[in-house]
Amino acid sequence: MLLREIQPGDLLRVTGTVIQPDDPDAPARLTVDALEVLEAAPLPVTGNCG
């Protein structure tokens, strides 16, 4: 699955490592090892009924 196929509301499992630097002003670093879609978000309903 490509990252651009993931939609808002999808239930994801992300595994990896977060590294907090010694310098509190520096941003944390996230390394993602795997990303899995557990459940896709429901498709929005479009159009008029009736």
PDB file of N, CA and C in Angstrom:
ATOM      1  N   MET A   1       0.853  -1.187   0.000  1.00  0.00           N
ATOM      2  CA  MET A   1       0.000   0.000   0.000  1.00  0.00           C
ATOM      3  C   MET A   1       0.893   1.242   0.000  1.00  0.00           C
ATOM      4  N   LEU A   2       0.511   2.192  -0.790  1.00  0.00           N
ATOM      5  CA  LEU A   2       1.242   3.448  -0.841  1.00  0.00           C
ATOM      6  C   LEU A   2       0.702   4.403   0.204  1.00  0.00           C
ATOM      7  N   LEU A   3       1.573   5.257   0.723  1.00  0.00           N
ATOM      8  CA  LEU A   3       1.143   6.221   1.742  1.00  0.00           C
ATOM      9  C   LEU A   3       0.034   7.127   1.243  1.00  0.00           C
ATOM     10  N   ARG A   4       0.013   7.436  -0.026  1.00  0.00           N
ATOM     11  CA  ARG A   4      -1.022   8.345  -0.533  1.00  0.00           C
ATOM     12  C   ARG A   4      -2.395   7.678  -0.586  1.00  0.00           C
ATOM     13  N   GLU A   5      -2.467   6.359  -0.381  1.00  0.00           N
ATOM     14  CA  GLU A   5      -3.743   5.655  -0.367  1.00  0.00           C
ATOM     15  C   GLU A   5      -4.399   5.674   1.011  1.00  0.00           C
ATOM     16  N   ILE A   6      -3.676   6.072   2.043  1.00  0.00           N
ATOM     17  CA  ILE A   6      -4.223   6.134   3.393  1.00  0.00           C
ATOM     18  C   ILE A   6      -5.133   7.356   3.494  1.00  0.00           C
ATOM     19  N   GLN A   7      -6.299   7.160   4.095  1.00  0.00           N
ATOM     20  CA  GLN A   7      -7.292   8.226   4.209  1.00  0.00           C
ATOM     21  C   GLN A   7      -7.469   8.624   5.670  1.00  0.00           C
ATOM     22  N   PRO A   8      -7.872   9.864   5.930  1.00  0.00           N
ATOM     23  CA  PRO A   8      -8.196  10.257   7.306  1.00  0.00           C
ATOM     24  C   PRO A   8      -9.260   9.325   7.872  1.00  0.00           C
ATOM     25  N   GLY A   9      -9.065   8.894   9.090  1.00  0.00           N
ATOM     26  CA  GLY A   9     -10.012   7.993   9.732  1.00  0.00           C
ATOM     27  C   GLY A   9      -9.617   6.531   9.655  1.00  0.00           C
ATOM     28  N   ASP A  10      -8.635   6.180   8.806  1.00  0.00           N
ATOM     29  CA  ASP A  10      -8.150   4.802   8.762  1.00  0.00           C
ATOM     30  C   ASP A  10      -7.524   4.440  10.098  1.00  0.00           C
ATOM     31  N   LEU A  11      -7.747   3.214  10.542  1.00  0.00           N
ATOM     32  CA  LEU A  11      -7.135   2.715  11.770  1.00  0.00           C
ATOM     33  C   LEU A  11      -5.797   2.088  11.397  1.00  0.00           C
ATOM     34  N   LEU A  12      -4.705   2.642  11.930  1.00  0.00           N
ATOM     35  CA  LEU A  12      -3.363   2.211  11.555  1.00  0.00           C
ATOM     36  C   LEU A  12      -2.615   1.614  12.736  1.00  0.00           C
ATOM     37  N   ARG A  13      -1.680   0.726  12.437  1.00  0.00           N
ATOM     38  CA  ARG A  13      -0.701   0.260  13.423  1.00  0.00           C
ATOM     39  C   ARG A  13       0.660   0.699  12.875  1.00  0.00           C
ATOM     40  N   VAL A  14       1.355   1.487  13.674  1.00  0.00           N
ATOM     41  CA  VAL A  14       2.679   1.968  13.297  1.00  0.00           C
ATOM     42  C   VAL A  14       3.666   1.460  14.329  1.00  0.00           C
ATOM     43  N   THR A  15       4.714   0.795  13.869  1.00  0.00           N
ATOM     44  CA  THR A  15       5.759   0.337  14.778  1.00  0.00           C
ATOM     45  C   THR A  15       7.061   1.004  14.381  1.00  0.00           C
ATOM     46  N   GLY A  16       7.875   1.278  15.396  1.00  0.00           N
ATOM     47  CA  GLY A  16       9.145   1.929  15.130  1.00  0.00           C
ATOM     48  C   GLY A  16       9.785   2.384  16.422  1.00  0.00           C
ATOM     49  N   THR A  17      10.631   3.403  16.308  1.00  0.00           N
ATOM     50  CA  THR A  17      11.409   3.890  17.437  1.00  0.00           C
ATOM     51  C   THR A  17      11.325   5.409  17.509  1.00  0.00           C
ATOM     52  N   VAL A  18      11.120   5.917  18.724  1.00  0.00           N
ATOM     53  CA  VAL A  18      11.172   7.358  18.967  1.00  0.00           C
ATOM     54  C   VAL A  18      12.426   7.625  19.791  1.00  0.00           C
ATOM     55  N   ILE A  19      13.247   8.550  19.320  1.00  0.00           N
ATOM     56  CA  ILE A  19      14.482   8.898  20.025  1.00  0.00           C
ATOM     57  C   ILE A  19      14.376  10.341  20.490  1.00  0.00           C
ATOM     58  N   GLN A  20      14.428  10.535  21.797  1.00  0.00           N
ATOM     59  CA  GLN A  20      14.411  11.872  22.385  1.00  0.00           C
ATOM     60  C   GLN A  20      15.853  12.343  22.539  1.00  0.00           C
ATOM     61  N   PRO A  21      16.242  13.430  21.890  1.00  0.00           N
ATOM     62  CA  PRO A  21      17.621  13.903  21.988  1.00  0.00           C
ATOM     63  C   PRO A  21      17.937  14.459  23.384  1.00  0.00           C
ATOM     64  N   ASP A  22      19.211  14.557  23.696  1.00  0.00           N
ATOM     65  CA  ASP A  22      19.639  15.127  24.976  1.00  0.00           C
ATOM     66  C   ASP A  22      19.304  16.614  25.068  1.00  0.00           C
ATOM     67  N   ASP A  23      19.315  17.302  23.940  1.00  0.00           N
ATOM     68  CA  ASP A  23      19.001  18.729  23.896  1.00  0.00           C
ATOM     69  C   ASP A  23      17.483  18.902  23.909  1.00  0.00           C
ATOM     70  N   PRO A  24      16.904  19.516  24.952  1.00  0.00           N
ATOM     71  CA  PRO A  24      15.446  19.649  25.028  1.00  0.00           C
ATOM     72  C   PRO A  24      14.853  20.539  23.934  1.00  0.00           C
ATOM     73  N   ASP A  25      15.670  21.352  23.279  1.00  0.00           N
ATOM     74  CA  ASP A  25      15.170  22.199  22.198  1.00  0.00           C
ATOM     75  C   ASP A  25      15.160  21.490  20.851  1.00  0.00           C
ATOM     76  N   ALA A  26      15.806  20.346  20.769  1.00  0.00           N
ATOM     77  CA  ALA A  26      15.861  19.587  19.518  1.00  0.00           C
ATOM     78  C   ALA A  26      14.613  18.706  19.405  1.00  0.00           C
ATOM     79  N   PRO A  27      14.135  18.513  18.191  1.00  0.00           N
ATOM     80  CA  PRO A  27      12.940  17.674  18.022  1.00  0.00           C
ATOM     81  C   PRO A  27      13.267  16.189  18.223  1.00  0.00           C
ATOM     82  N   ALA A  28      12.260  15.438  18.648  1.00  0.00           N
ATOM     83  CA  ALA A  28      12.411  13.990  18.740  1.00  0.00           C
ATOM     84  C   ALA A  28      12.507  13.431  17.320  1.00  0.00           C
ATOM     85  N   ARG A  29      13.095  12.260  17.205  1.00  0.00           N
ATOM     86  CA  ARG A  29      13.250  11.622  15.893  1.00  0.00           C
ATOM     87  C   ARG A  29      12.439  10.334  15.885  1.00  0.00           C
ATOM     88  N   LEU A  30      11.617  10.148  14.874  1.00  0.00           N
ATOM     89  CA  LEU A  30      10.775   8.965  14.747  1.00  0.00           C
ATOM     90  C   LEU A  30      11.225   8.163  13.535  1.00  0.00           C
ATOM     91  N   THR A  31      11.505   6.893  13.762  1.00  0.00           N
ATOM     92  CA  THR A  31      11.836   5.978  12.679  1.00  0.00           C
ATOM     93  C   THR A  31      10.717   4.951  12.591  1.00  0.00           C
ATOM     94  N   VAL A  32      10.034   4.906  11.470  1.00  0.00           N
ATOM     95  CA  VAL A  32       8.931   3.965  11.273  1.00  0.00           C
ATOM     96  C   VAL A  32       9.482   2.714  10.599  1.00  0.00           C
ATOM     97  N   ASP A  33       9.238   1.566  11.240  1.00  0.00           N
ATOM     98  CA  ASP A  33       9.669   0.288  10.676  1.00  0.00           C
ATOM     99  C   ASP A  33       8.557  -0.356   9.846  1.00  0.00           C
ATOM    100  N   ALA A  34       7.317  -0.196  10.295  1.00  0.00           N
ATOM    101  CA  ALA A  34       6.194  -0.807   9.587  1.00  0.00           C
ATOM    102  C   ALA A  34       4.938   0.029   9.799  1.00  0.00           C
ATOM    103  N   LEU A  35       4.104   0.046   8.777  1.00  0.00           N
ATOM    104  CA  LEU A  35       2.819   0.728   8.850  1.00  0.00           C
ATOM    105  C   LEU A  35       1.793  -0.225   8.251  1.00  0.00           C
ATOM    106  N   GLU A  36       0.747  -0.518   9.019  1.00  0.00           N
ATOM    107  CA  GLU A  36      -0.266  -1.482   8.590  1.00  0.00           C
ATOM    108  C   GLU A  36      -1.647  -0.852   8.753  1.00  0.00           C
ATOM    109  N   VAL A  37      -2.479  -0.979   7.738  1.00  0.00           N
ATOM    110  CA  VAL A  37      -3.859  -0.518   7.839  1.00  0.00           C
ATOM    111  C   VAL A  37      -4.657  -1.651   8.465  1.00  0.00           C
ATOM    112  N   LEU A  38      -5.180  -1.405   9.670  1.00  0.00           N
ATOM    113  CA  LEU A  38      -5.981  -2.412  10.362  1.00  0.00           C
ATOM    114  C   LEU A  38      -7.426  -2.388   9.888  1.00  0.00           C
ATOM    115  N   GLU A  39      -7.942  -1.172   9.640  1.00  0.00           N
ATOM    116  CA  GLU A  39      -9.320  -1.029   9.166  1.00  0.00           C
ATOM    117  C   GLU A  39      -9.439   0.271   8.392  1.00  0.00           C
ATOM    118  N   ALA A  40      -9.988   0.193   7.209  1.00  0.00           N
ATOM    119  CA  ALA A  40     -10.175   1.388   6.396  1.00  0.00           C
ATOM    120  C   ALA A  40     -11.358   2.188   6.934  1.00  0.00           C
ATOM    121  N   ALA A  41     -11.260   3.487   6.824  1.00  0.00           N
ATOM    122  CA  ALA A  41     -12.364   4.366   7.227  1.00  0.00           C
ATOM    123  C   ALA A  41     -13.549   4.125   6.315  1.00  0.00           C
ATOM    124  N   PRO A  42     -14.761   4.289   6.835  1.00  0.00           N
ATOM    125  CA  PRO A  42     -15.937   4.142   5.972  1.00  0.00           C
ATOM    126  C   PRO A  42     -15.919   5.182   4.849  1.00  0.00           C
ATOM    127  N   LEU A  43     -16.385   4.789   3.704  1.00  0.00           N
ATOM    128  CA  LEU A  43     -16.443   5.723   2.581  1.00  0.00           C
ATOM    129  C   LEU A  43     -17.554   6.737   2.828  1.00  0.00           C
ATOM    130  N   PRO A  44     -17.298   7.995   2.512  1.00  0.00           N
ATOM    131  CA  PRO A  44     -18.349   9.011   2.712  1.00  0.00           C
ATOM    132  C   PRO A  44     -19.508   8.761   1.745  1.00  0.00           C
ATOM    133  N   VAL A  45     -20.723   9.045   2.204  1.00  0.00           N
ATOM    134  CA  VAL A  45     -21.909   8.907   1.362  1.00  0.00           C
ATOM    135  C   VAL A  45     -22.101  10.217   0.625  1.00  0.00           C
ATOM    136  N   THR A  46     -22.213  10.135  -0.706  1.00  0.00           N
ATOM    137  CA  THR A  46     -22.399  11.345  -1.502  1.00  0.00           C
ATOM    138  C   THR A  46     -23.674  11.212  -2.321  1.00  0.00           C
ATOM    139  N   GLY A  47     -24.181  12.312  -2.775  1.00  0.00           N
ATOM    140  CA  GLY A  47     -25.382  12.302  -3.616  1.00  0.00           C
ATOM    141  C   GLY A  47     -26.634  12.547  -2.790  1.00  0.00           C
ATOM    142  N   ASN A  48     -27.713  12.699  -3.474  1.00  0.00           N
ATOM    143  CA  ASN A  48     -29.002  12.959  -2.829  1.00  0.00           C
ATOM    144  C   ASN A  48     -29.810  11.683  -2.755  1.00  0.00           C
ATOM    145  N   CYS A  49     -30.515  11.502  -1.673  1.00  0.00           N
ATOM    146  CA  CYS A  49     -31.389  10.357  -1.514  1.00  0.00           C
ATOM    147  C   CYS A  49     -32.828  10.825  -1.782  1.00  0.00           C
ATOM    148  N   GLY A  50     -33.475  10.223  -2.698  1.00  0.00           N
ATOM    149  CA  GLY A  50     -34.884  10.508  -2.913  1.00  0.00           C
ATOM    150  C   GLY A  50     -35.083  11.572  -3.889  1.00  0.00           C
TER     151      GLY A  50
END
